Amino acid sequence: MAEFPELNREGYNHAVSLIQKGEITESESWEFDWGKDGDRLIQKGGLNRWCLAHYVENPDPKVKDHWGFPFSSDGRTVNRRGLIAAYQRASQQGYTNILVAVKRLLSLIQEQKEDKRFIPFCKIEPQKHLVYGIVYEPETLDGEGDYAEEEVIEEAAHTFLSDYKSLRLMHSQPLPRHQAVVVESYIAPTDFSFPASTGQKSENSSVRKGSWILVVKVLNEELWEKIQAGELTGFSMGGYLFREE
């Protein structure tokens, strides 16, 4: 039976420092080779700086088996996908100390955005009064510190169209159809970016495969003015979440 890993405080503090400096990598997937990648991290200051856990049962810090839960493969940045993989593994194996640390790091990354609750609009078309945006992105920590897989997001998107198809302002005030109406709702079939040629485009233009995309036509002038003024910045999914412990 494997021993319960201890939090490597030096590695955790190093990850916090990198995130605060914006040294974050957003890769499509996470694969860590303890041979090639491990050697690279040793050359970049040692595994003690790049791993979140260590195992007392392997007391020699010079041995790779002493370390666990690496958060970087390049020895320069914190890999967000690596943290998500660490979160999933720690959750499955009941490593609560590692789980708490990883969740905090993911929250710090999320805090780099201006608004943790709403994902900024991807595209705005002033002539048509259309706004395009991501409602929910797979495996991305939200403002509540949770995330969802592609299948869960797809089910939520289908339920929205079949049972609700209604909008609310700031999760509370209902928006009647004469003010704003959903004209498109779909799951992104692949990674893509909205073109820059039409309308305005925010910095958050990239869309990840499996994301729920919504397009809304704004019919109320006061509402449209708030969007153009930056008072309304994006979409957010409202609902109930059942956590798996």
Protein backbone atom coordinates (compact mmCIF):
# COMPACT_ATOMS: atom_id res chain seq x y z
CA MET A 1 0.00 0.00 0.00
CA ALA A 2 1.46 3.37 -1.05
CA GLU A 3 2.18 5.86 1.71
CA PHE A 4 0.12 9.04 2.04
CA PRO A 5 2.23 11.78 0.38
CA GLU A 6 3.23 14.90 2.27
CA LEU A 7 2.84 18.37 0.80
CA ASN A 8 6.11 19.75 -0.51
CA ARG A 9 5.90 23.31 0.75
CA GLU A 10 8.88 24.50 -1.31
CA GLY A 11 7.30 23.29 -4.55
CA TYR A 12 3.93 24.74 -3.62
CA ASN A 13 5.40 28.17 -2.82
CA HIS A 14 7.34 28.11 -6.09
CA ALA A 15 4.12 27.36 -7.99
CA VAL A 16 2.36 30.26 -6.23
CA SER A 17 5.20 32.61 -7.17
CA LEU A 18 5.10 31.54 -10.83
CA ILE A 19 1.32 31.95 -11.04
CA GLN A 20 1.52 35.42 -9.52
CA LYS A 21 4.06 36.33 -12.21
CA GLY A 22 1.79 34.96 -14.93
CA GLU A 23 4.14 32.09 -15.78
CA ILE A 24 1.34 29.69 -16.75
CA THR A 25 1.11 27.21 -19.62
CA GLU A 26 -2.25 26.23 -21.16
CA SER A 27 -1.54 23.02 -23.08
CA GLU A 28 -4.11 20.78 -24.78
CA SER A 29 -3.15 17.76 -22.68
CA TRP A 30 -0.82 16.69 -19.89
CA GLU A 31 1.74 13.92 -20.16
CA PHE A 32 4.74 13.71 -17.85
CA ASP A 33 7.74 11.49 -18.56
CA TRP A 34 9.72 10.98 -15.36
CA GLY A 35 12.75 10.12 -17.49
CA LYS A 36 12.95 13.02 -19.93
CA ASP A 37 10.81 15.60 -18.11
CA GLY A 38 12.11 14.62 -14.69
CA ASP A 39 15.71 15.11 -15.83
CA ARG A 40 14.78 18.53 -17.23
CA LEU A 41 13.29 19.62 -13.90
CA ILE A 42 16.39 18.42 -12.05
CA GLN A 43 18.47 20.65 -14.32
CA LYS A 44 16.03 23.55 -13.69
CA GLY A 45 16.65 23.74 -9.97
CA GLY A 46 15.65 20.28 -8.79
CA LEU A 47 12.44 18.30 -8.36
CA ASN A 48 11.94 19.92 -4.95
CA ARG A 49 10.99 23.12 -6.82
CA TRP A 50 8.65 21.49 -9.35
CA CYS A 51 6.68 18.87 -7.40
CA LEU A 52 3.83 19.33 -4.93
CA ALA A 53 4.42 16.16 -2.91
CA HIS A 54 7.16 13.97 -1.47
CA TYR A 55 7.08 10.48 0.00
CA VAL A 56 8.75 9.75 3.33
CA GLU A 57 9.02 6.06 2.42
CA ASN A 58 11.60 7.12 -0.18
CA PRO A 59 13.73 9.41 2.01
CA ASP A 60 16.47 10.29 -0.49
CA PRO A 61 15.49 13.58 -2.25
CA LYS A 62 17.97 12.81 -5.02
CA VAL A 63 15.85 9.83 -6.08
CA LYS A 64 12.88 10.56 -8.36
CA ASP A 65 10.63 8.18 -6.41
CA HIS A 66 10.85 10.60 -3.48
CA TRP A 67 8.75 13.14 -5.43
CA GLY A 68 5.22 13.24 -6.80
CA PHE A 69 2.60 15.47 -8.40
CA PRO A 70 4.79 17.58 -10.72
CA PHE A 71 3.14 20.78 -11.97
CA SER A 72 5.54 21.57 -14.82
CA SER A 73 7.26 19.70 -17.62
CA ASP A 74 9.25 22.57 -19.13
CA GLY A 75 10.91 23.83 -15.96
CA ARG A 76 9.68 27.35 -16.61
CA THR A 77 5.92 27.53 -16.10
CA VAL A 78 3.01 26.05 -14.16
CA ASN A 79 1.03 23.78 -16.46
CA ARG A 80 -2.69 24.19 -15.77
CA ARG A 81 -3.47 20.82 -17.32
CA GLY A 82 -0.89 19.29 -15.03
CA LEU A 83 -2.68 20.78 -12.04
CA ILE A 84 -6.03 19.44 -13.26
CA ALA A 85 -4.47 15.97 -13.61
CA ALA A 86 -3.07 16.31 -10.08
CA TYR A 87 -6.49 17.42 -8.81
CA GLN A 88 -8.20 14.39 -10.35
CA ARG A 89 -5.60 11.93 -9.06
CA ALA A 90 -5.56 13.41 -5.54
CA SER A 91 -9.37 13.32 -5.46
CA GLN A 92 -9.51 9.70 -6.59
CA GLN A 93 -6.87 8.55 -4.10
CA GLY A 94 -8.10 10.62 -1.17
CA TYR A 95 -4.97 12.76 -0.77
CA THR A 96 -6.80 15.65 0.86
CA ASN A 97 -3.67 17.68 1.64
CA ILE A 98 -2.59 17.63 -2.01
CA LEU A 99 -6.16 18.23 -3.15
CA VAL A 100 -6.47 21.40 -1.07
CA ALA A 101 -3.13 22.71 -2.35
CA VAL A 102 -3.93 22.03 -6.01
CA LYS A 103 -7.38 23.55 -5.70
CA ARG A 104 -5.83 26.72 -4.28
CA LEU A 105 -3.33 26.90 -7.17
CA LEU A 106 -6.12 26.48 -9.72
CA SER A 107 -8.07 29.21 -7.96
CA LEU A 108 -5.03 31.50 -8.17
CA ILE A 109 -4.86 30.89 -11.90
CA GLN A 110 -8.55 31.66 -12.21
CA GLU A 111 -8.03 34.90 -10.32
CA GLN A 112 -5.80 36.11 -13.14
CA LYS A 113 -8.99 36.84 -15.03
CA GLU A 114 -10.83 40.08 -14.37
CA ASP A 115 -14.05 38.29 -13.44
CA LYS A 116 -14.00 34.80 -11.94
CA ARG A 117 -17.71 34.21 -12.39
CA PHE A 118 -18.40 35.32 -15.94
CA ILE A 119 -16.42 34.27 -19.02
CA PRO A 120 -15.89 37.37 -21.21
CA PHE A 121 -17.78 37.55 -24.50
CA CYS A 122 -15.82 36.09 -27.41
CA LYS A 123 -17.36 38.32 -30.04
CA ILE A 124 -19.76 41.25 -30.27
CA GLU A 125 -21.52 42.27 -33.50
CA PRO A 126 -22.82 45.83 -33.01
CA GLN A 127 -24.82 46.02 -36.26
CA LYS A 128 -26.76 42.85 -35.47
CA HIS A 129 -26.82 43.33 -31.69
CA LEU A 130 -25.37 39.83 -31.25
CA VAL A 131 -23.09 38.64 -28.48
CA TYR A 132 -21.17 35.36 -28.66
CA GLY A 133 -19.74 33.73 -25.59
CA ILE A 134 -18.71 30.63 -23.68
CA VAL A 135 -21.19 29.52 -21.03
CA TYR A 136 -18.98 26.78 -19.62
CA GLU A 137 -15.56 25.41 -20.59
CA PRO A 138 -14.59 21.77 -19.88
CA GLU A 139 -12.03 21.04 -17.15
CA THR A 140 -11.76 24.72 -16.25
CA LEU A 141 -12.12 25.77 -12.64
CA ASP A 142 -15.07 28.13 -12.25
CA GLY A 143 -15.68 30.89 -9.72
CA GLU A 144 -16.91 28.34 -7.17
CA GLY A 145 -13.74 26.24 -7.46
CA ASP A 146 -15.41 23.43 -9.42
CA TYR A 147 -15.15 22.11 -12.95
CA ALA A 148 -17.11 19.83 -15.30
CA GLU A 149 -16.29 17.25 -17.96
CA GLU A 150 -17.44 17.60 -21.58
CA GLU A 151 -20.29 15.09 -21.12
CA VAL A 152 -21.75 17.01 -18.16
CA ILE A 153 -21.58 20.32 -20.04
CA GLU A 154 -23.26 18.80 -23.09
CA GLU A 155 -26.10 17.45 -20.95
CA ALA A 156 -26.58 20.87 -19.32
CA ALA A 157 -26.65 22.58 -22.72
CA HIS A 158 -29.28 20.14 -24.04
CA THR A 159 -31.40 20.51 -20.90
CA PHE A 160 -31.25 24.30 -21.23
CA LEU A 161 -32.68 24.16 -24.75
CA SER A 162 -35.28 21.48 -24.10
CA ASP A 163 -36.58 22.65 -20.71
CA TYR A 164 -35.67 26.31 -20.21
CA LYS A 165 -34.11 28.45 -22.97
CA SER A 166 -34.49 31.48 -20.70
CA LEU A 167 -31.96 34.11 -19.66
CA ARG A 168 -31.40 35.92 -16.39
CA LEU A 169 -29.50 39.10 -15.63
CA MET A 170 -26.78 38.48 -13.02
CA HIS A 171 -28.40 35.11 -12.19
CA SER A 172 -31.47 36.79 -10.70
CA GLN A 173 -33.58 39.09 -12.88
CA PRO A 174 -35.43 37.24 -15.68
CA LEU A 175 -34.89 38.63 -19.18
CA PRO A 176 -38.10 38.44 -21.24
CA ARG A 177 -37.82 37.51 -24.91
CA HIS A 178 -38.57 41.06 -26.05
CA GLN A 179 -35.29 42.14 -24.37
CA ALA A 180 -32.92 39.31 -25.29
CA VAL A 181 -33.32 35.96 -27.02
CA VAL A 182 -31.08 32.93 -27.59
CA VAL A 183 -30.48 32.47 -31.32
CA GLU A 184 -27.72 29.83 -31.20
CA SER A 185 -26.59 27.26 -28.66
CA TYR A 186 -24.06 24.54 -29.42
CA ILE A 187 -21.12 22.49 -28.17
CA ALA A 188 -17.81 23.35 -29.84
CA PRO A 189 -16.84 20.29 -31.96
CA THR A 190 -13.16 21.27 -31.97
CA ASP A 191 -10.76 23.97 -30.78
CA PHE A 192 -11.20 27.22 -32.71
CA SER A 193 -11.04 31.01 -32.49
CA PHE A 194 -13.67 33.52 -33.50
CA PRO A 195 -12.59 35.53 -36.58
CA ALA A 196 -11.43 39.09 -36.03
CA SER A 197 -13.07 40.44 -39.19
CA THR A 198 -16.62 40.70 -37.83
CA GLY A 199 -17.56 42.91 -34.93
CA GLN A 200 -15.57 43.37 -31.77
CA LYS A 201 -13.50 40.61 -30.24
CA SER A 202 -12.31 40.33 -26.66
CA GLU A 203 -8.96 38.85 -25.62
CA ASN A 204 -10.79 35.64 -24.72
CA SER A 205 -11.41 34.64 -28.36
CA SER A 206 -10.13 31.07 -28.24
CA VAL A 207 -12.66 28.29 -27.73
CA ARG A 208 -11.78 24.83 -26.46
CA LYS A 209 -13.38 21.65 -27.80
CA GLY A 210 -16.42 20.68 -25.72
CA SER A 211 -17.23 24.24 -24.61
CA TRP A 212 -20.84 25.36 -24.53
CA ILE A 213 -21.30 28.36 -26.84
CA LEU A 214 -24.27 30.70 -26.70
CA VAL A 215 -25.26 33.45 -29.12
CA VAL A 216 -27.80 36.01 -27.89
CA LYS A 217 -29.59 38.74 -29.83
CA VAL A 218 -30.09 41.79 -27.63
CA LEU A 219 -33.33 43.64 -28.43
CA ASN A 220 -33.37 46.12 -25.55
CA GLU A 221 -31.37 49.30 -26.13
CA GLU A 222 -30.60 49.91 -22.44
CA LEU A 223 -29.26 46.37 -22.14
CA TRP A 224 -27.18 46.80 -25.29
CA GLU A 225 -25.68 50.03 -23.97
CA LYS A 226 -24.58 48.20 -20.80
CA ILE A 227 -22.82 45.59 -22.93
CA GLN A 228 -21.00 48.21 -24.98
CA ALA A 229 -20.07 50.11 -21.81
CA GLY A 230 -18.53 46.98 -20.30
CA GLU A 231 -21.06 46.71 -17.49
CA LEU A 232 -22.21 43.30 -18.78
CA THR A 233 -19.19 41.30 -19.84
CA GLY A 234 -20.11 37.67 -20.41
CA PHE A 235 -22.16 34.54 -19.73
CA SER A 236 -22.28 32.35 -16.64
CA MET A 237 -24.12 29.09 -16.09
CA GLY A 238 -26.58 29.00 -13.22
CA GLY A 239 -27.71 25.74 -11.63
CA TYR A 240 -27.07 23.19 -8.94
CA LEU A 241 -23.93 21.13 -8.58
CA PHE A 242 -23.54 17.79 -6.81
CA ARG A 243 -19.93 17.27 -5.77
CA GLU A 244 -18.29 13.87 -5.78
CA GLU A 245 -16.22 13.52 -2.62
